[in-house]
PDB file of N, CA and C in Angstrom:
ATOM      1  N   MET A   1       0.887  -1.168  -0.075  1.00  0.00           N
ATOM      2  CA  MET A   1      -0.008   0.066   0.066  1.00  0.00           C
ATOM      3  C   MET A   1       0.882   1.266  -0.002  1.00  0.00           C
ATOM      4  N   GLY A   2       1.968   1.186   0.732  1.00  0.00           N
ATOM      5  CA  GLY A   2       2.848   2.380   0.846  1.00  0.00           C
ATOM      6  C   GLY A   2       3.289   2.864  -0.614  1.00  0.00           C
ATOM      7  N   LYS A   3       3.771   1.916  -1.374  1.00  0.00           N
ATOM      8  CA  LYS A   3       4.242   2.196  -2.728  1.00  0.00           C
ATOM      9  C   LYS A   3       3.142   2.717  -3.669  1.00  0.00           C
ATOM     10  N   LEU A   4       1.977   2.042  -3.560  1.00  0.00           N
ATOM     11  CA  LEU A   4       0.767   2.461  -4.245  1.00  0.00           C
ATOM     12  C   LEU A   4       0.392   3.884  -3.973  1.00  0.00           C
ATOM     13  N   LEU A   5       0.302   4.231  -2.582  1.00  0.00           N
ATOM     14  CA  LEU A   5      -0.063   5.695  -2.251  1.00  0.00           C
ATOM     15  C   LEU A   5       1.056   6.556  -2.686  1.00  0.00           C
ATOM     16  N   ALA A   6       2.280   6.300  -2.578  1.00  0.00           N
ATOM     17  CA  ALA A   6       3.381   7.169  -3.082  1.00  0.00           C
ATOM     18  C   ALA A   6       3.209   7.486  -4.495  1.00  0.00           C
ATOM     19  N   GLN A   7       2.926   6.441  -5.371  1.00  0.00           N
ATOM     20  CA  GLN A   7       2.700   6.578  -6.779  1.00  0.00           C
ATOM     21  C   GLN A   7       1.546   7.295  -7.108  1.00  0.00           C
ATOM     22  N   THR A   8       0.270   7.070  -6.449  1.00  0.00           N
ATOM     23  CA  THR A   8      -0.861   7.652  -6.664  1.00  0.00           C
ATOM     24  C   THR A   8      -0.756   9.096  -6.407  1.00  0.00           C
ATOM     25  N   PHE A   9      -0.118   9.541  -5.330  1.00  0.00           N
ATOM     26  CA  PHE A   9      -0.015  10.948  -4.905  1.00  0.00           C
ATOM     27  C   PHE A   9       1.353  11.563  -5.399  1.00  0.00           C
ATOM     28  N   ASP A  10       1.893  10.969  -6.468  1.00  0.00           N
ATOM     29  CA  ASP A  10       3.179  11.549  -7.079  1.00  0.00           C
ATOM     30  C   ASP A  10       4.168  11.865  -6.166  1.00  0.00           C
ATOM     31  N   ARG A  11       4.553  10.840  -5.261  1.00  0.00           N
ATOM     32  CA  ARG A  11       5.683  11.080  -4.384  1.00  0.00           C
ATOM     33  C   ARG A  11       6.728   9.954  -4.643  1.00  0.00           C
ATOM     34  N   PRO A  12       7.319   9.901  -5.840  1.00  0.00           N
ATOM     35  CA  PRO A  12       8.280   8.783  -6.349  1.00  0.00           C
ATOM     36  C   PRO A  12       9.480   8.716  -5.417  1.00  0.00           C
ATOM     37  N   GLU A  13       9.768   9.750  -4.613  1.00  0.00           N
ATOM     38  CA  GLU A  13      10.951   9.695  -3.802  1.00  0.00           C
ATOM     39  C   GLU A  13      10.796   9.009  -2.506  1.00  0.00           C
ATOM     40  N   TRP A  14       9.536   8.771  -2.097  1.00  0.00           N
ATOM     41  CA  TRP A  14       9.191   8.136  -0.816  1.00  0.00           C
ATOM     42  C   TRP A  14       9.751   6.728  -0.602  1.00  0.00           C
ATOM     43  N   PRO A  15       9.568   5.829  -1.619  1.00  0.00           N
ATOM     44  CA  PRO A  15      10.035   4.520  -1.489  1.00  0.00           C
ATOM     45  C   PRO A  15      11.555   4.357  -1.316  1.00  0.00           C
ATOM     46  N   GLU A  16      12.288   5.404  -1.608  1.00  0.00           N
ATOM     47  CA  GLU A  16      13.728   5.440  -1.373  1.00  0.00           C
ATOM     48  C   GLU A  16      14.222   5.790  -0.016  1.00  0.00           C
ATOM     49  N   LEU A  17      13.218   6.194   0.757  1.00  0.00           N
ATOM     50  CA  LEU A  17      13.474   6.659   2.159  1.00  0.00           C
ATOM     51  C   LEU A  17      13.618   5.339   3.089  1.00  0.00           C
ATOM     52  N   GLU A  18      14.207   5.513   4.217  1.00  0.00           N
ATOM     53  CA  GLU A  18      14.239   4.426   5.271  1.00  0.00           C
ATOM     54  C   GLU A  18      12.710   4.068   5.547  1.00  0.00           C
ATOM     55  N   PRO A  19      12.499   2.800   5.812  1.00  0.00           N
ATOM     56  CA  PRO A  19      11.146   2.307   6.125  1.00  0.00           C
ATOM     57  C   PRO A  19      10.342   3.140   7.054  1.00  0.00           C
ATOM     58  N   GLU A  20      10.918   3.496   8.206  1.00  0.00           N
ATOM     59  CA  GLU A  20      10.244   4.256   9.187  1.00  0.00           C
ATOM     60  C   GLU A  20       9.795   5.572   8.620  1.00  0.00           C
ATOM     61  N   THR A  21      10.757   6.279   7.887  1.00  0.00           N
ATOM     62  CA  THR A  21      10.452   7.595   7.478  1.00  0.00           C
ATOM     63  C   THR A  21       9.400   7.552   6.407  1.00  0.00           C
ATOM     64  N   PHE A  22       9.520   6.540   5.436  1.00  0.00           N
ATOM     65  CA  PHE A  22       8.563   6.374   4.416  1.00  0.00           C
ATOM     66  C   PHE A  22       7.165   6.026   5.023  1.00  0.00           C
ATOM     67  N   ALA A  23       7.020   5.235   6.070  1.00  0.00           N
ATOM     68  CA  ALA A  23       5.706   4.912   6.765  1.00  0.00           C
ATOM     69  C   ALA A  23       5.159   6.293   7.399  1.00  0.00           C
ATOM     70  N   LYS A  24       6.028   7.012   7.953  1.00  0.00           N
ATOM     71  CA  LYS A  24       5.534   8.261   8.597  1.00  0.00           C
ATOM     72  C   LYS A  24       4.908   9.140   7.512  1.00  0.00           C
ATOM     73  N   LYS A  25       5.611   9.206   6.342  1.00  0.00           N
ATOM     74  CA  LYS A  25       5.068  10.105   5.302  1.00  0.00           C
ATOM     75  C   LYS A  25       3.678   9.599   4.818  1.00  0.00           C
ATOM     76  N   VAL A  26       3.579   8.322   4.685  1.00  0.00           N
ATOM     77  CA  VAL A  26       2.352   7.752   4.209  1.00  0.00           C
ATOM     78  C   VAL A  26       1.306   7.981   5.317  1.00  0.00           C
ATOM     79  N   ASN A  27       1.635   7.761   6.581  1.00  0.00           N
ATOM     80  CA  ASN A  27       0.660   7.936   7.577  1.00  0.00           C
ATOM     81  C   ASN A  27       0.202   9.459   7.644  1.00  0.00           C
ATOM     82  N   GLY A  28       1.144  10.403   7.371  1.00  0.00           N
ATOM     83  CA  GLY A  28       0.700  11.805   7.311  1.00  0.00           C
ATOM     84  C   GLY A  28      -0.283  12.059   6.214  1.00  0.00           C
ATOM     85  N   LEU A  29       0.002  11.438   5.005  1.00  0.00           N
ATOM     86  CA  LEU A  29      -0.927  11.571   3.978  1.00  0.00           C
ATOM     87  C   LEU A  29      -2.251  11.028   4.421  1.00  0.00           C
ATOM     88  N   LEU A  30      -2.277   9.767   4.920  1.00  0.00           N
ATOM     89  CA  LEU A  30      -3.552   9.096   5.393  1.00  0.00           C
ATOM     90  C   LEU A  30      -4.268   9.921   6.486  1.00  0.00           C
ATOM     91  N   GLU A  31      -3.605  10.735   7.238  1.00  0.00           N
ATOM     92  CA  GLU A  31      -4.229  11.563   8.176  1.00  0.00           C
ATOM     93  C   GLU A  31      -5.228  12.520   7.618  1.00  0.00           C
ATOM     94  N   SER A  32      -4.989  12.777   6.298  1.00  0.00           N
ATOM     95  CA  SER A  32      -5.860  13.796   5.588  1.00  0.00           C
ATOM     96  C   SER A  32      -7.067  13.092   4.962  1.00  0.00           C
ATOM     97  N   PHE A  33      -7.130  11.800   5.086  1.00  0.00           N
ATOM     98  CA  PHE A  33      -8.248  10.951   4.415  1.00  0.00           C
ATOM     99  C   PHE A  33      -9.441  11.087   5.318  1.00  0.00           C
ATOM    100  N   TRP A  34     -10.585  11.039   4.748  1.00  0.00           N
ATOM    101  CA  TRP A  34     -11.854  11.069   5.535  1.00  0.00           C
ATOM    102  C   TRP A  34     -12.002   9.799   6.433  1.00  0.00           C
ATOM    103  N   GLN A  35     -11.554   8.688   6.042  1.00  0.00           N
ATOM    104  CA  GLN A  35     -11.700   7.488   6.779  1.00  0.00           C
ATOM    105  C   GLN A  35     -10.602   6.403   6.490  1.00  0.00           C
ATOM    106  N   VAL A  36      -9.934   5.922   7.427  1.00  0.00           N
ATOM    107  CA  VAL A  36      -8.983   4.867   7.263  1.00  0.00           C
ATOM    108  C   VAL A  36      -9.324   3.727   8.187  1.00  0.00           C
ATOM    109  N   GLY A  37      -9.443   2.470   7.662  1.00  0.00           N
ATOM    110  CA  GLY A  37      -9.845   1.436   8.524  1.00  0.00           C
ATOM    111  C   GLY A  37      -8.820   0.307   8.385  1.00  0.00           C
ATOM    112  N   THR A  38      -8.950  -0.683   9.341  1.00  0.00           N
ATOM    113  CA  THR A  38      -8.125  -1.839   9.350  1.00  0.00           C
ATOM    114  C   THR A  38      -9.084  -3.115   9.204  1.00  0.00           C
ATOM    115  N   LEU A  39      -8.515  -4.217   8.830  1.00  0.00           N
ATOM    116  CA  LEU A  39      -9.351  -5.334   8.578  1.00  0.00           C
ATOM    117  C   LEU A  39     -10.131  -5.876   9.766  1.00  0.00           C
ATOM    118  N   GLU A  40      -9.537  -5.738  10.978  1.00  0.00           N
ATOM    119  CA  GLU A  40     -10.302  -6.219  12.155  1.00  0.00           C
ATOM    120  C   GLU A  40     -11.502  -5.381  12.518  1.00  0.00           C
ATOM    121  N   ARG A  41     -11.694  -4.175  11.948  1.00  0.00           N
ATOM    122  CA  ARG A  41     -12.749  -3.290  12.175  1.00  0.00           C
ATOM    123  C   ARG A  41     -13.554  -3.044  10.827  1.00  0.00           C
ATOM    124  N   MET A  42     -13.428  -4.013   9.937  1.00  0.00           N
ATOM    125  CA  MET A  42     -14.057  -3.801   8.624  1.00  0.00           C
ATOM    126  C   MET A  42     -15.544  -3.668   8.764  1.00  0.00           C
ATOM    127  N   LEU A  43     -16.153  -4.339   9.586  1.00  0.00           N
ATOM    128  CA  LEU A  43     -17.705  -4.237   9.746  1.00  0.00           C
ATOM    129  C   LEU A  43     -17.990  -2.837  10.229  1.00  0.00           C
ATOM    130  N   ASP A  44     -17.311  -2.320  11.176  1.00  0.00           N
ATOM    131  CA  ASP A  44     -17.483  -0.989  11.628  1.00  0.00           C
ATOM    132  C   ASP A  44     -17.275   0.052  10.641  1.00  0.00           C
ATOM    133  N   PHE A  45     -16.141  -0.133   9.841  1.00  0.00           N
ATOM    134  CA  PHE A  45     -15.863   0.772   8.806  1.00  0.00           C
ATOM    135  C   PHE A  45     -16.903   0.809   7.751  1.00  0.00           C
ATOM    136  N   VAL A  46     -17.390  -0.325   7.303  1.00  0.00           N
ATOM    137  CA  VAL A  46     -18.489  -0.395   6.224  1.00  0.00           C
ATOM    138  C   VAL A  46     -19.792   0.191   6.787  1.00  0.00           C
ATOM    139  N   ALA A  47     -20.118  -0.103   8.017  1.00  0.00           N
ATOM    140  CA  ALA A  47     -21.377   0.541   8.527  1.00  0.00           C
ATOM    141  C   ALA A  47     -21.234   1.995   8.621  1.00  0.00           C
ATOM    142  N   HIS A  48     -20.069   2.613   9.048  1.00  0.00           N
ATOM    143  CA  HIS A  48     -19.927   3.981   9.047  1.00  0.00           C
ATOM    144  C   HIS A  48     -20.028   4.610   7.673  1.00  0.00           C
ATOM    145  N   LEU A  49     -19.360   3.950   6.726  1.00  0.00           N
ATOM    146  CA  LEU A  49     -19.375   4.446   5.300  1.00  0.00           C
ATOM    147  C   LEU A  49     -20.749   4.386   4.782  1.00  0.00           C
ATOM    148  N   ALA A  50     -21.591   3.349   5.131  1.00  0.00           N
ATOM    149  CA  ALA A  50     -22.945   3.269   4.609  1.00  0.00           C
ATOM    150  C   ALA A  50     -23.785   4.376   5.154  1.00  0.00           C
ATOM    151  N   LYS A  51     -23.498   4.594   6.486  1.00  0.00           N
ATOM    152  CA  LYS A  51     -24.277   5.658   7.177  1.00  0.00           C
ATOM    153  C   LYS A  51     -24.028   7.116   6.482  1.00  0.00           C
ATOM    154  N   GLU A  52     -22.706   7.329   6.208  1.00  0.00           N
ATOM    155  CA  GLU A  52     -22.374   8.571   5.600  1.00  0.00           C
ATOM    156  C   GLU A  52     -22.976   8.713   4.206  1.00  0.00           C
ATOM    157  N   LEU A  53     -22.952   7.672   3.409  1.00  0.00           N
ATOM    158  CA  LEU A  53     -23.531   7.593   2.033  1.00  0.00           C
ATOM    159  C   LEU A  53     -25.006   7.431   2.056  1.00  0.00           C
ATOM    160  N   GLN A  54     -25.606   7.451   3.287  1.00  0.00           N
ATOM    161  CA  GLN A  54     -27.075   7.358   3.445  1.00  0.00           C
ATOM    162  C   GLN A  54     -27.667   6.064   2.715  1.00  0.00           C
ATOM    163  N   ILE A  55     -26.920   4.928   2.927  1.00  0.00           N
ATOM    164  CA  ILE A  55     -27.401   3.603   2.481  1.00  0.00           C
ATOM    165  C   ILE A  55     -28.241   3.080   3.619  1.00  0.00           C
ATOM    166  N   PRO A  56     -29.397   2.700   3.435  1.00  0.00           N
ATOM    167  CA  PRO A  56     -30.290   2.090   4.524  1.00  0.00           C
ATOM    168  C   PRO A  56     -29.695   0.864   5.112  1.00  0.00           C
ATOM    169  N   ASN A  57     -29.774   0.772   6.427  1.00  0.00           N
ATOM    170  CA  ASN A  57     -29.214  -0.411   7.094  1.00  0.00           C
ATOM    171  C   ASN A  57     -30.082  -1.583   6.860  1.00  0.00           C
ATOM    172  N   ASP A  58     -31.270  -1.513   6.386  1.00  0.00           N
ATOM    173  CA  ASP A  58     -32.108  -2.638   6.255  1.00  0.00           C
ATOM    174  C   ASP A  58     -32.238  -3.141   4.701  1.00  0.00           C
ATOM    175  N   ILE A  59     -31.302  -2.637   3.993  1.00  0.00           N
ATOM    176  CA  ILE A  59     -31.242  -3.013   2.565  1.00  0.00           C
ATOM    177  C   ILE A  59     -30.913  -4.550   2.474  1.00  0.00           C
ATOM    178  N   LYS A  60     -31.604  -5.218   1.462  1.00  0.00           N
ATOM    179  CA  LYS A  60     -31.450  -6.596   1.327  1.00  0.00           C
ATOM    180  C   LYS A  60     -29.990  -6.954   0.734  1.00  0.00           C
ATOM    181  N   ARG A  61     -29.381  -7.890   1.357  1.00  0.00           N
ATOM    182  CA  ARG A  61     -28.078  -8.264   0.902  1.00  0.00           C
ATOM    183  C   ARG A  61     -28.232  -9.397  -0.226  1.00  0.00           C
ATOM    184  N   LEU A  62     -27.401  -9.320  -1.232  1.00  0.00           N
ATOM    185  CA  LEU A  62     -27.467 -10.372  -2.306  1.00  0.00           C
ATOM    186  C   LEU A  62     -25.987 -10.815  -2.388  1.00  0.00           C
ATOM    187  N   ASN A  63     -25.675 -11.865  -1.781  1.00  0.00           N
ATOM    188  CA  ASN A  63     -24.410 -12.420  -1.953  1.00  0.00           C
ATOM    189  C   ASN A  63     -24.280 -13.295  -3.223  1.00  0.00           C
ATOM    190  N   ARG A  64     -23.421 -12.894  -4.083  1.00  0.00           N
ATOM    191  CA  ARG A  64     -23.378 -13.656  -5.409  1.00  0.00           C
ATOM    192  C   ARG A  64     -22.094 -14.585  -5.490  1.00  0.00           C
ATOM    193  N   GLY A  65     -21.275 -14.630  -4.435  1.00  0.00           N
ATOM    194  CA  GLY A  65     -20.171 -15.434  -4.417  1.00  0.00           C
ATOM    195  C   GLY A  65     -20.455 -16.845  -3.842  1.00  0.00           C
ATOM    196  N   ILE A  66     -19.411 -17.537  -3.545  1.00  0.00           N
ATOM    197  CA  ILE A  66     -19.437 -18.755  -2.884  1.00  0.00           C
ATOM    198  C   ILE A  66     -19.966 -18.741  -1.542  1.00  0.00           C
ATOM    199  N   GLN A  67     -20.863 -19.530  -1.154  1.00  0.00           N
ATOM    200  CA  GLN A  67     -21.493 -19.579   0.180  1.00  0.00           C
ATOM    201  C   GLN A  67     -20.523 -20.097   1.212  1.00  0.00           C
ATOM    202  N   ARG A  68     -19.557 -20.725   0.960  1.00  0.00           N
ATOM    203  CA  ARG A  68     -18.537 -21.216   1.983  1.00  0.00           C
ATOM    204  C   ARG A  68     -17.447 -20.301   2.178  1.00  0.00           C
ATOM    205  N   LYS A  69     -17.182 -20.157   3.534  1.00  0.00           N
ATOM    206  CA  LYS A  69     -16.109 -19.312   3.900  1.00  0.00           C
ATOM    207  C   LYS A  69     -14.932 -20.176   4.181  1.00  0.00           C
ATOM    208  N   VAL A  70     -13.716 -19.645   3.875  1.00  0.00           N
ATOM    209  CA  VAL A  70     -12.420 -20.378   4.092  1.00  0.00           C
ATOM    210  C   VAL A  70     -11.668 -19.299   4.984  1.00  0.00           C
ATOM    211  N   TYR A  71     -11.312 -19.708   6.180  1.00  0.00           N
ATOM    212  CA  TYR A  71     -10.422 -18.883   6.978  1.00  0.00           C
ATOM    213  C   TYR A  71      -9.059 -19.422   7.060  1.00  0.00           C
ATOM    214  N   LEU A  72      -8.065 -18.772   6.726  1.00  0.00           N
ATOM    215  CA  LEU A  72      -6.711 -19.223   6.793  1.00  0.00           C
ATOM    216  C   LEU A  72      -6.013 -18.648   7.968  1.00  0.00           C
ATOM    217  N   GLU A  73      -5.260 -19.428   8.688  1.00  0.00           N
ATOM    218  CA  GLU A  73      -4.489 -19.034   9.812  1.00  0.00           C
ATOM    219  C   GLU A  73      -3.080 -19.133   9.474  1.00  0.00           C
ATOM    220  N   PRO A  74      -2.358 -17.938   9.164  1.00  0.00           N
ATOM    221  CA  PRO A  74      -0.945 -18.064   8.806  1.00  0.00           C
ATOM    222  C   PRO A  74      -0.164 -18.443   9.976  1.00  0.00           C
ATOM    223  N   ASP A  75       0.975 -19.126   9.783  1.00  0.00           N
ATOM    224  CA  ASP A  75       1.839 -19.580  10.877  1.00  0.00           C
ATOM    225  C   ASP A  75       2.714 -18.368  11.168  1.00  0.00           C
ATOM    226  N   SER A  76       3.421 -18.419  12.348  1.00  0.00           N
ATOM    227  CA  SER A  76       4.410 -17.410  12.697  1.00  0.00           C
ATOM    228  C   SER A  76       5.442 -17.129  11.681  1.00  0.00           C
ATOM    229  N   GLY A  77       6.020 -18.241  11.061  1.00  0.00           N
ATOM    230  CA  GLY A  77       6.971 -17.929   9.996  1.00  0.00           C
ATOM    231  C   GLY A  77       6.555 -17.200   8.847  1.00  0.00           C
ATOM    232  N   LEU A  78       5.308 -17.365   8.375  1.00  0.00           N
ATOM    233  CA  LEU A  78       4.715 -16.620   7.299  1.00  0.00           C
ATOM    234  C   LEU A  78       4.480 -15.207   7.681  1.00  0.00           C
ATOM    235  N   ILE A  79       4.050 -14.928   8.869  1.00  0.00           N
ATOM    236  CA  ILE A  79       3.833 -13.615   9.348  1.00  0.00           C
ATOM    237  C   ILE A  79       5.079 -12.897   9.428  1.00  0.00           C
ATOM    238  N   LYS A  80       6.121 -13.461   9.937  1.00  0.00           N
ATOM    239  CA  LYS A  80       7.437 -12.815  10.047  1.00  0.00           C
ATOM    240  C   LYS A  80       7.995 -12.427   8.733  1.00  0.00           C
ATOM    241  N   TYR A  81       7.849 -13.462   7.793  1.00  0.00           N
ATOM    242  CA  TYR A  81       8.392 -13.289   6.393  1.00  0.00           C
ATOM    243  C   TYR A  81       7.629 -12.091   5.665  1.00  0.00           C
ATOM    244  N   SER A  82       6.337 -12.060   5.901  1.00  0.00           N
ATOM    245  CA  SER A  82       5.513 -11.015   5.278  1.00  0.00           C
ATOM    246  C   SER A  82       5.910  -9.682   5.851  1.00  0.00           C
ATOM    247  N   GLN A  83       6.055  -9.595   7.175  1.00  0.00           N
ATOM    248  CA  GLN A  83       6.483  -8.308   7.776  1.00  0.00           C
ATOM    249  C   GLN A  83       7.753  -7.867   7.260  1.00  0.00           C
ATOM    250  N   GLU A  84       8.770  -8.758   7.117  1.00  0.00           N
ATOM    251  CA  GLU A  84      10.108  -8.435   6.689  1.00  0.00           C
ATOM    252  C   GLU A  84      10.055  -7.844   5.246  1.00  0.00           C
ATOM    253  N   GLN A  85       9.276  -8.544   4.415  1.00  0.00           N
ATOM    254  CA  GLN A  85       9.213  -8.218   3.010  1.00  0.00           C
ATOM    255  C   GLN A  85       8.357  -6.923   2.783  1.00  0.00           C
ATOM    256  N   ASN A  86       7.413  -6.674   3.581  1.00  0.00           N
ATOM    257  CA  ASN A  86       6.571  -5.556   3.522  1.00  0.00           C
ATOM    258  C   ASN A  86       6.688  -4.603   4.722  1.00  0.00           C
ATOM    259  N   GLN A  87       7.855  -4.230   5.068  1.00  0.00           N
ATOM    260  CA  GLN A  87       8.157  -3.477   6.273  1.00  0.00           C
ATOM    261  C   GLN A  87       7.334  -2.246   6.456  1.00  0.00           C
ATOM    262  N   VAL A  88       7.250  -1.469   5.355  1.00  0.00           N
ATOM    263  CA  VAL A  88       6.656  -0.242   5.386  1.00  0.00           C
ATOM    264  C   VAL A  88       5.089  -0.377   5.559  1.00  0.00           C
ATOM    265  N   ASP A  89       4.509  -1.335   4.875  1.00  0.00           N
ATOM    266  CA  ASP A  89       3.187  -1.650   5.033  1.00  0.00           C
ATOM    267  C   ASP A  89       2.869  -2.071   6.447  1.00  0.00           C
ATOM    268  N   ALA A  90       3.755  -2.954   7.006  1.00  0.00           N
ATOM    269  CA  ALA A  90       3.477  -3.446   8.344  1.00  0.00           C
ATOM    270  C   ALA A  90       3.505  -2.248   9.328  1.00  0.00           C
ATOM    271  N   LEU A  91       4.344  -1.313   9.176  1.00  0.00           N
ATOM    272  CA  LEU A  91       4.533  -0.093   9.954  1.00  0.00           C
ATOM    273  C   LEU A  91       3.202   0.697   9.872  1.00  0.00           C
ATOM    274  N   ILE A  92       2.820   0.957   8.633  1.00  0.00           N
ATOM    275  CA  ILE A  92       1.490   1.683   8.430  1.00  0.00           C
ATOM    276  C   ILE A  92       0.308   1.007   9.086  1.00  0.00           C
ATOM    277  N   TYR A  93       0.266  -0.258   8.887  1.00  0.00           N
ATOM    278  CA  TYR A  93      -0.869  -1.110   9.521  1.00  0.00           C
ATOM    279  C   TYR A  93      -0.846  -1.029  11.018  1.00  0.00           C
ATOM    280  N   GLU A  94       0.294  -1.160  11.630  1.00  0.00           N
ATOM    281  CA  GLU A  94       0.345  -1.067  13.094  1.00  0.00           C
ATOM    282  C   GLU A  94      -0.035   0.274  13.561  1.00  0.00           C
ATOM    283  N   TYR A  95       0.497   1.299  12.915  1.00  0.00           N
ATOM    284  CA  TYR A  95       0.032   2.698  13.282  1.00  0.00           C
ATOM    285  C   TYR A  95      -1.539   2.774  13.323  1.00  0.00           C
ATOM    286  N   TRP A  96      -2.167   2.398  12.299  1.00  0.00           N
ATOM    287  CA  TRP A  96      -3.579   2.494  12.173  1.00  0.00           C
ATOM    288  C   TRP A  96      -4.362   1.617  13.084  1.00  0.00           C
ATOM    289  N   LYS A  97      -3.875   0.466  13.346  1.00  0.00           N
ATOM    290  CA  LYS A  97      -4.392  -0.449  14.243  1.00  0.00           C
ATOM    291  C   LYS A  97      -4.444   0.006  15.700  1.00  0.00           C
ATOM    292  N   LYS A  98      -3.317   0.636  16.027  1.00  0.00           N
ATOM    293  CA  LYS A  98      -3.189   1.275  17.374  1.00  0.00           C
ATOM    294  C   LYS A  98      -4.212   2.464  17.441  1.00  0.00           C
ATOM    295  N   ARG A  99      -4.247   3.264  16.317  1.00  0.00           N
ATOM    296  CA  ARG A  99      -5.256   4.501  16.353  1.00  0.00           C
ATOM    297  C   ARG A  99      -6.644   3.824  16.547  1.00  0.00           C
ATOM    298  N   SER A 100      -6.957   2.824  15.883  1.00  0.00           N
ATOM    299  CA  SER A 100      -8.255   2.142  15.942  1.00  0.00           C
ATOM    300  C   SER A 100      -8.614   1.778  17.271  1.00  0.00           C
ATOM    301  N   ILE A 101      -7.582   1.199  18.005  1.00  0.00           N
ATOM    302  CA  ILE A 101      -7.868   0.710  19.329  1.00  0.00           C
ATOM    303  C   ILE A 101      -8.017   1.847  20.276  1.00  0.00           C
ATOM    304  N   ARG A 102      -7.324   2.900  20.098  1.00  0.00           N
ATOM    305  CA  ARG A 102      -7.508   4.129  20.884  1.00  0.00           C
ATOM    306  C   ARG A 102      -8.840   4.719  20.690  1.00  0.00           C
ATOM    307  N   TYR A 103      -9.330   4.762  19.489  1.00  0.00           N
ATOM    308  CA  TYR A 103     -10.632   5.339  19.027  1.00  0.00           C
ATOM    309  C   TYR A 103     -11.662   4.451  19.742  1.00  0.00           C
ATOM    310  N   GLU A 104     -11.536   3.205  19.675  1.00  0.00           N
ATOM    311  CA  GLU A 104     -12.497   2.302  20.187  1.00  0.00           C
ATOM    312  C   GLU A 104     -12.702   2.445  21.750  1.00  0.00           C
ATOM    313  N   GLN A 105     -11.539   2.602  22.370  1.00  0.00           N
ATOM    314  CA  GLN A 105     -11.605   2.831  23.820  1.00  0.00           C
ATOM    315  C   GLN A 105     -12.151   4.142  24.268  1.00  0.00           C
ATOM    316  N   HIS A 106     -11.946   5.163  23.401  1.00  0.00           N
ATOM    317  CA  HIS A 106     -12.512   6.564  23.667  1.00  0.00           C
ATOM    318  C   HIS A 106     -14.029   6.559  23.384  1.00  0.00           C
ATOM    319  N   HIS A 107     -14.518   5.789  22.422  1.00  0.00           N
ATOM    320  CA  HIS A 107     -15.824   5.933  22.092  1.00  0.00           C
ATOM    321  C   HIS A 107     -16.702   4.734  22.566  1.00  0.00           C
ATOM    322  N   SER A 108     -16.281   3.941  23.443  1.00  0.00           N
ATOM    323  CA  SER A 108     -17.095   2.902  24.042  1.00  0.00           C
ATOM    324  C   SER A 108     -17.577   3.181  25.292  1.00  0.00           C
TER     325      SER A 108
END
């Protein structure tokens, strides 16, 4: 996501920065966004988005995909490898996850 955001907002120099600095730049950019969510709070994110877009909460759902859900549990080795290979994205994610937890504690 970090590289995609840098490219989208014409910041080609950001990926050349140290990972912590690059992540801070992206987080600063994301601070100006109307809403940023993490996967753990996806249902809250979608509900808030629907409310802001004035989509009724009683609208009928039409699932068109497979009815079976598959949940994968990555092992610690895969998680470590992913974080090492995507260090900037991991830093960005952890930042917003912590903000999400603080928001939840403040608004509950």
